C-alpha atoms as a PDB file:
ATOM      1  CA  MET A   1       8.579 -17.669 106.366  1.00  0.00           C
ATOM      2  CA  SER A   2       8.607 -20.840 104.316  1.00  0.00           C
ATOM      3  CA  VAL A   3       7.331 -24.216 105.491  1.00  0.00           C
ATOM      4  CA  TYR A   4      10.972 -25.070 106.152  1.00  0.00           C
ATOM      5  CA  ASP A   5      11.181 -22.450 108.892  1.00  0.00           C
ATOM      6  CA  ALA A   6       7.712 -22.546 110.368  1.00  0.00           C
ATOM      7  CA  VAL A   7       6.502 -26.150 110.409  1.00  0.00           C
ATOM      8  CA  GLU A   8       7.504 -29.087 112.557  1.00  0.00           C
ATOM      9  CA  ILE A   9       6.456 -32.611 111.647  1.00  0.00           C
ATOM     10  CA  GLU A  10       7.705 -36.011 112.723  1.00  0.00           C
ATOM     11  CA  SER A  11       9.176 -38.581 110.357  1.00  0.00           C
ATOM     12  CA  LEU A  12       7.442 -41.921 109.846  1.00  0.00           C
ATOM     13  CA  GLN A  13      10.256 -43.601 111.786  1.00  0.00           C
ATOM     14  CA  GLY A  14       9.889 -41.134 114.679  1.00  0.00           C
ATOM     15  CA  GLY A  15      11.850 -38.013 115.486  1.00  0.00           C
ATOM     16  CA  PRO A  16      11.767 -34.720 113.610  1.00  0.00           C
ATOM     17  CA  ALA A  17      11.406 -34.867 109.834  1.00  0.00           C
ATOM     18  CA  ASN A  18      13.532 -31.683 109.695  1.00  0.00           C
ATOM     19  CA  LEU A  19      11.921 -29.994 106.701  1.00  0.00           C
ATOM     20  CA  SER A  20      14.797 -27.507 106.539  1.00  0.00           C
ATOM     21  CA  GLN A  21      16.915 -30.253 104.940  1.00  0.00           C
ATOM     22  CA  TYR A  22      14.839 -29.733 101.772  1.00  0.00           C
ATOM     23  CA  ARG A  23      15.739 -26.046 101.450  1.00  0.00           C
ATOM     24  CA  GLY A  24      17.200 -25.594  97.967  1.00  0.00           C
ATOM     25  CA  LYS A  25      15.326 -28.612  96.561  1.00  0.00           C
ATOM     26  CA  ALA A  26      12.050 -28.995  94.702  1.00  0.00           C
ATOM     27  CA  VAL A  27       9.680 -31.050  96.872  1.00  0.00           C
ATOM     28  CA  LEU A  28       6.506 -32.862  95.838  1.00  0.00           C
ATOM     29  CA  ILE A  29       4.333 -33.304  98.935  1.00  0.00           C
ATOM     30  CA  VAL A  30       1.725 -36.037  98.558  1.00  0.00           C
ATOM     31  CA  ASN A  31      -0.881 -37.211 101.064  1.00  0.00           C
ATOM     32  CA  VAL A  32      -0.683 -40.981 100.690  1.00  0.00           C
ATOM     33  CA  ALA A  33      -2.724 -44.032 101.681  1.00  0.00           C
ATOM     34  CA  SER A  34      -2.065 -47.764 101.443  1.00  0.00           C
ATOM     35  CA  LYS A  35      -5.594 -49.016 100.769  1.00  0.00           C
ATOM     36  CA  CYS A  36      -6.832 -46.603  98.090  1.00  0.00           C
ATOM     37  CA  GLY A  37      -7.599 -47.151  94.432  1.00  0.00           C
ATOM     38  CA  LEU A  38      -4.861 -44.592  93.737  1.00  0.00           C
ATOM     39  CA  THR A  39      -2.235 -46.417  95.846  1.00  0.00           C
ATOM     40  CA  PRO A  40      -0.460 -47.725  92.706  1.00  0.00           C
ATOM     41  CA  GLN A  41       0.696 -44.109  92.205  1.00  0.00           C
ATOM     42  CA  TYR A  42       3.438 -44.981  94.710  1.00  0.00           C
ATOM     43  CA  ALA A  43       5.259 -46.643  91.793  1.00  0.00           C
ATOM     44  CA  GLY A  44       5.239 -43.452  89.717  1.00  0.00           C
ATOM     45  CA  LEU A  45       6.223 -41.347  92.709  1.00  0.00           C
ATOM     46  CA  GLU A  46       9.203 -43.623  93.318  1.00  0.00           C
ATOM     47  CA  ARG A  47      10.235 -43.335  89.653  1.00  0.00           C
ATOM     48  CA  LEU A  48      10.105 -39.530  89.979  1.00  0.00           C
ATOM     49  CA  GLN A  49      12.320 -39.821  93.053  1.00  0.00           C
ATOM     50  CA  GLU A  50      14.820 -41.995  91.196  1.00  0.00           C
ATOM     51  CA  THR A  51      14.822 -39.767  88.094  1.00  0.00           C
ATOM     52  CA  TYR A  52      14.935 -36.318  89.687  1.00  0.00           C
ATOM     53  CA  GLY A  53      16.439 -36.996  93.138  1.00  0.00           C
ATOM     54  CA  PRO A  54      20.002 -36.553  91.866  1.00  0.00           C
ATOM     55  CA  ARG A  55      18.970 -33.167  90.424  1.00  0.00           C
ATOM     56  CA  GLY A  56      17.732 -31.642  93.687  1.00  0.00           C
ATOM     57  CA  PHE A  57      14.225 -33.084  94.063  1.00  0.00           C
ATOM     58  CA  THR A  58      12.384 -35.242  96.551  1.00  0.00           C
ATOM     59  CA  VAL A  59       8.945 -36.680  97.032  1.00  0.00           C
ATOM     60  CA  LEU A  60       7.683 -36.317 100.602  1.00  0.00           C
ATOM     61  CA  GLY A  61       4.903 -38.774 101.448  1.00  0.00           C
ATOM     62  CA  VAL A  62       2.440 -37.724 104.146  1.00  0.00           C
ATOM     63  CA  PRO A  63       0.197 -40.601 105.277  1.00  0.00           C
ATOM     64  CA  CYS A  64      -3.387 -39.617 106.049  1.00  0.00           C
ATOM     65  CA  ASN A  65      -6.345 -41.707 107.208  1.00  0.00           C
ATOM     66  CA  GLN A  66      -9.078 -39.092 106.677  1.00  0.00           C
ATOM     67  CA  PHE A  67     -10.489 -40.474 103.430  1.00  0.00           C
ATOM     68  CA  MET A  68     -12.643 -43.536 104.158  1.00  0.00           C
ATOM     69  CA  GLY A  69     -10.017 -44.892 106.573  1.00  0.00           C
ATOM     70  CA  GLN A  70      -7.704 -45.900 103.726  1.00  0.00           C
ATOM     71  CA  GLU A  71      -4.485 -45.507 105.768  1.00  0.00           C
ATOM     72  CA  PRO A  72      -5.298 -47.431 108.962  1.00  0.00           C
ATOM     73  CA  GLY A  73      -1.831 -48.832 109.671  1.00  0.00           C
ATOM     74  CA  THR A  74       0.756 -47.980 112.266  1.00  0.00           C
ATOM     75  CA  SER A  75       3.925 -46.188 111.211  1.00  0.00           C
ATOM     76  CA  ALA A  76       5.775 -49.519 111.068  1.00  0.00           C
ATOM     77  CA  GLU A  77       3.015 -51.108 108.953  1.00  0.00           C
ATOM     78  CA  ILE A  78       2.963 -48.163 106.554  1.00  0.00           C
ATOM     79  CA  ALA A  79       6.756 -48.236 106.170  1.00  0.00           C
ATOM     80  CA  GLU A  80       6.774 -52.001 105.572  1.00  0.00           C
ATOM     81  CA  PHE A  81       3.950 -51.806 103.009  1.00  0.00           C
ATOM     82  CA  CYS A  82       5.601 -48.997 101.054  1.00  0.00           C
ATOM     83  CA  SER A  83       9.003 -50.652 101.035  1.00  0.00           C
ATOM     84  CA  ALA A  84       7.864 -54.214 100.307  1.00  0.00           C
ATOM     85  CA  THR A  85       5.132 -53.388  97.778  1.00  0.00           C
ATOM     86  CA  TYR A  86       6.532 -50.382  95.904  1.00  0.00           C
ATOM     87  CA  GLY A  87      10.202 -50.155  96.885  1.00  0.00           C
ATOM     88  CA  VAL A  88       9.651 -46.655  98.235  1.00  0.00           C
ATOM     89  CA  THR A  89      12.878 -44.857  99.121  1.00  0.00           C
ATOM     90  CA  PHE A  90      11.564 -41.288  99.411  1.00  0.00           C
ATOM     91  CA  PRO A  91      11.035 -39.826 102.889  1.00  0.00           C
ATOM     92  CA  MET A  92       7.706 -40.045 104.657  1.00  0.00           C
ATOM     93  CA  THR A  93       6.263 -38.206 107.630  1.00  0.00           C
ATOM     94  CA  GLU A  94       4.075 -39.287 110.475  1.00  0.00           C
ATOM     95  CA  LYS A  95       0.373 -39.840 109.729  1.00  0.00           C
ATOM     96  CA  VAL A  96      -1.504 -36.526 109.983  1.00  0.00           C
ATOM     97  CA  ASP A  97      -4.859 -34.906 109.252  1.00  0.00           C
ATOM     98  CA  VAL A  98      -4.844 -32.767 106.109  1.00  0.00           C
ATOM     99  CA  ASN A  99      -8.338 -31.296 106.572  1.00  0.00           C
ATOM    100  CA  GLY A 100     -10.622 -30.142 109.384  1.00  0.00           C
ATOM    101  CA  ASP A 101     -10.001 -28.733 112.838  1.00  0.00           C
ATOM    102  CA  GLY A 102      -7.006 -31.011 113.361  1.00  0.00           C
ATOM    103  CA  ARG A 103      -5.348 -30.089 110.050  1.00  0.00           C
ATOM    104  CA  HIS A 104      -1.586 -30.294 110.469  1.00  0.00           C
ATOM    105  CA  PRO A 105       0.223 -26.912 110.249  1.00  0.00           C
ATOM    106  CA  LEU A 106       2.018 -28.115 107.098  1.00  0.00           C
ATOM    107  CA  TYR A 107      -1.302 -28.475 105.312  1.00  0.00           C
ATOM    108  CA  GLN A 108      -2.617 -25.231 106.815  1.00  0.00           C
ATOM    109  CA  ARG A 109       0.051 -23.584 104.660  1.00  0.00           C
ATOM    110  CA  LEU A 110      -0.274 -25.831 101.604  1.00  0.00           C
ATOM    111  CA  VAL A 111      -4.040 -25.707 101.001  1.00  0.00           C
ATOM    112  CA  THR A 112      -3.883 -22.082  99.870  1.00  0.00           C
ATOM    113  CA  ALA A 113      -2.173 -23.233  96.648  1.00  0.00           C
ATOM    114  CA  ALA A 114      -4.456 -23.487  93.606  1.00  0.00           C
ATOM    115  CA  ASP A 115      -4.502 -26.264  91.044  1.00  0.00           C
ATOM    116  CA  ALA A 116      -4.955 -25.757  87.291  1.00  0.00           C
ATOM    117  CA  GLU A 117      -8.738 -25.475  87.754  1.00  0.00           C
ATOM    118  CA  GLY A 118      -8.336 -22.900  90.530  1.00  0.00           C
ATOM    119  CA  HIS A 119      -9.215 -25.255  93.416  1.00  0.00           C
ATOM    120  CA  THR A 120      -7.833 -24.142  96.779  1.00  0.00           C
ATOM    121  CA  GLY A 121      -8.739 -25.211 100.278  1.00  0.00           C
ATOM    122  CA  ASP A 122      -9.410 -28.717 101.500  1.00  0.00           C
ATOM    123  CA  ILE A 123      -7.489 -31.661 100.132  1.00  0.00           C
ATOM    124  CA  ARG A 124      -9.996 -33.605  98.040  1.00  0.00           C
ATOM    125  CA  TRP A 125      -8.705 -37.172  98.350  1.00  0.00           C
ATOM    126  CA  ASN A 126      -5.620 -39.331  98.809  1.00  0.00           C
ATOM    127  CA  PHE A 127      -2.680 -38.579  96.509  1.00  0.00           C
ATOM    128  CA  GLU A 128      -3.293 -34.867  96.008  1.00  0.00           C
ATOM    129  CA  LYS A 129       0.092 -33.400  95.119  1.00  0.00           C
ATOM    130  CA  ILE A 130       1.601 -30.006  95.946  1.00  0.00           C
ATOM    131  CA  LEU A 131       4.940 -28.968  94.455  1.00  0.00           C
ATOM    132  CA  LEU A 132       7.262 -26.640  96.356  1.00  0.00           C
ATOM    133  CA  ASP A 133      10.024 -24.641  94.739  1.00  0.00           C
ATOM    134  CA  THR A 134      13.538 -24.448  96.166  1.00  0.00           C
ATOM    135  CA  SER A 135      12.440 -21.726  98.617  1.00  0.00           C
ATOM    136  CA  GLY A 136       9.556 -23.782  99.997  1.00  0.00           C
ATOM    137  CA  ASN A 137       6.777 -21.939  98.162  1.00  0.00           C
ATOM    138  CA  ALA A 138       3.879 -23.912  96.683  1.00  0.00           C
ATOM    139  CA  VAL A 139       4.125 -23.448  92.917  1.00  0.00           C
ATOM    140  CA  ALA A 140       1.744 -26.132  91.613  1.00  0.00           C
ATOM    141  CA  ARG A 141      -1.067 -28.335  92.859  1.00  0.00           C
ATOM    142  CA  PHE A 142      -2.333 -31.480  91.164  1.00  0.00           C
ATOM    143  CA  SER A 143      -5.542 -33.427  91.653  1.00  0.00           C
ATOM    144  CA  PRO A 144      -5.399 -36.919  93.128  1.00  0.00           C
ATOM    145  CA  GLN A 145      -6.134 -38.445  89.716  1.00  0.00           C
ATOM    146  CA  THR A 146      -3.128 -36.763  88.071  1.00  0.00           C
ATOM    147  CA  GLU A 147      -0.562 -39.489  87.502  1.00  0.00           C
ATOM    148  CA  PRO A 148       2.877 -38.715  88.950  1.00  0.00           C
ATOM    149  CA  GLU A 149       4.607 -39.067  85.576  1.00  0.00           C
ATOM    150  CA  SER A 150       2.023 -37.090  83.610  1.00  0.00           C
ATOM    151  CA  PRO A 151       3.434 -34.499  81.195  1.00  0.00           C
ATOM    152  CA  GLU A 152       2.072 -31.576  83.233  1.00  0.00           C
ATOM    153  CA  MET A 153       3.608 -32.861  86.460  1.00  0.00           C
ATOM    154  CA  VAL A 154       6.982 -33.634  84.879  1.00  0.00           C
ATOM    155  CA  ALA A 155       7.059 -30.148  83.309  1.00  0.00           C
ATOM    156  CA  ALA A 156       6.276 -28.509  86.662  1.00  0.00           C
ATOM    157  CA  ILE A 157       8.960 -30.543  88.446  1.00  0.00           C
ATOM    158  CA  GLU A 158      11.568 -29.723  85.817  1.00  0.00           C
ATOM    159  CA  ALA A 159      10.700 -26.018  86.101  1.00  0.00           C
ATOM    160  CA  ALA A 160      11.025 -26.145  89.905  1.00  0.00           C
ATOM    161  CA  LEU A 161      14.391 -27.927  90.019  1.00  0.00           C
ATOM    162  CA  PRO A 162      17.368 -25.952  91.289  1.00  0.00           C
ATOM    163  CA  ALA A 163      19.333 -24.131  88.596  1.00  0.00           C
END
């Protein structure tokens, strides 16, 4: 079963995020935070959304407050910050834990993916990125420091887009 069938998560605005709506699309899942040194990556993530969205792609932001409390806001505060500061249009989920005993089931499935250096397991920091293919399988993982529009990320996204 893919994450689309097996995982339930709420949207940032409340109510089910309905992951099954992404079946047939490439999805870049990113654990995000508003008060991190990497927060400016929101701009690059939004540009990816604008560039590849029409071709069957979406970014899915997943707020997380596990790394030095860098996402302390409420859902409304997070949504306002992302919209007002970075013009974010891509979907976002509720704030969840990505590591530890309370790790959300979505991340229980995602952390088995390896990055280019072979890292699997715990998410290392805000803005770690995991790319899903059109069937919901993790096909690439990128470190938090990898810029959204880096050549390696763009190549992976283009390879994962629907035919």
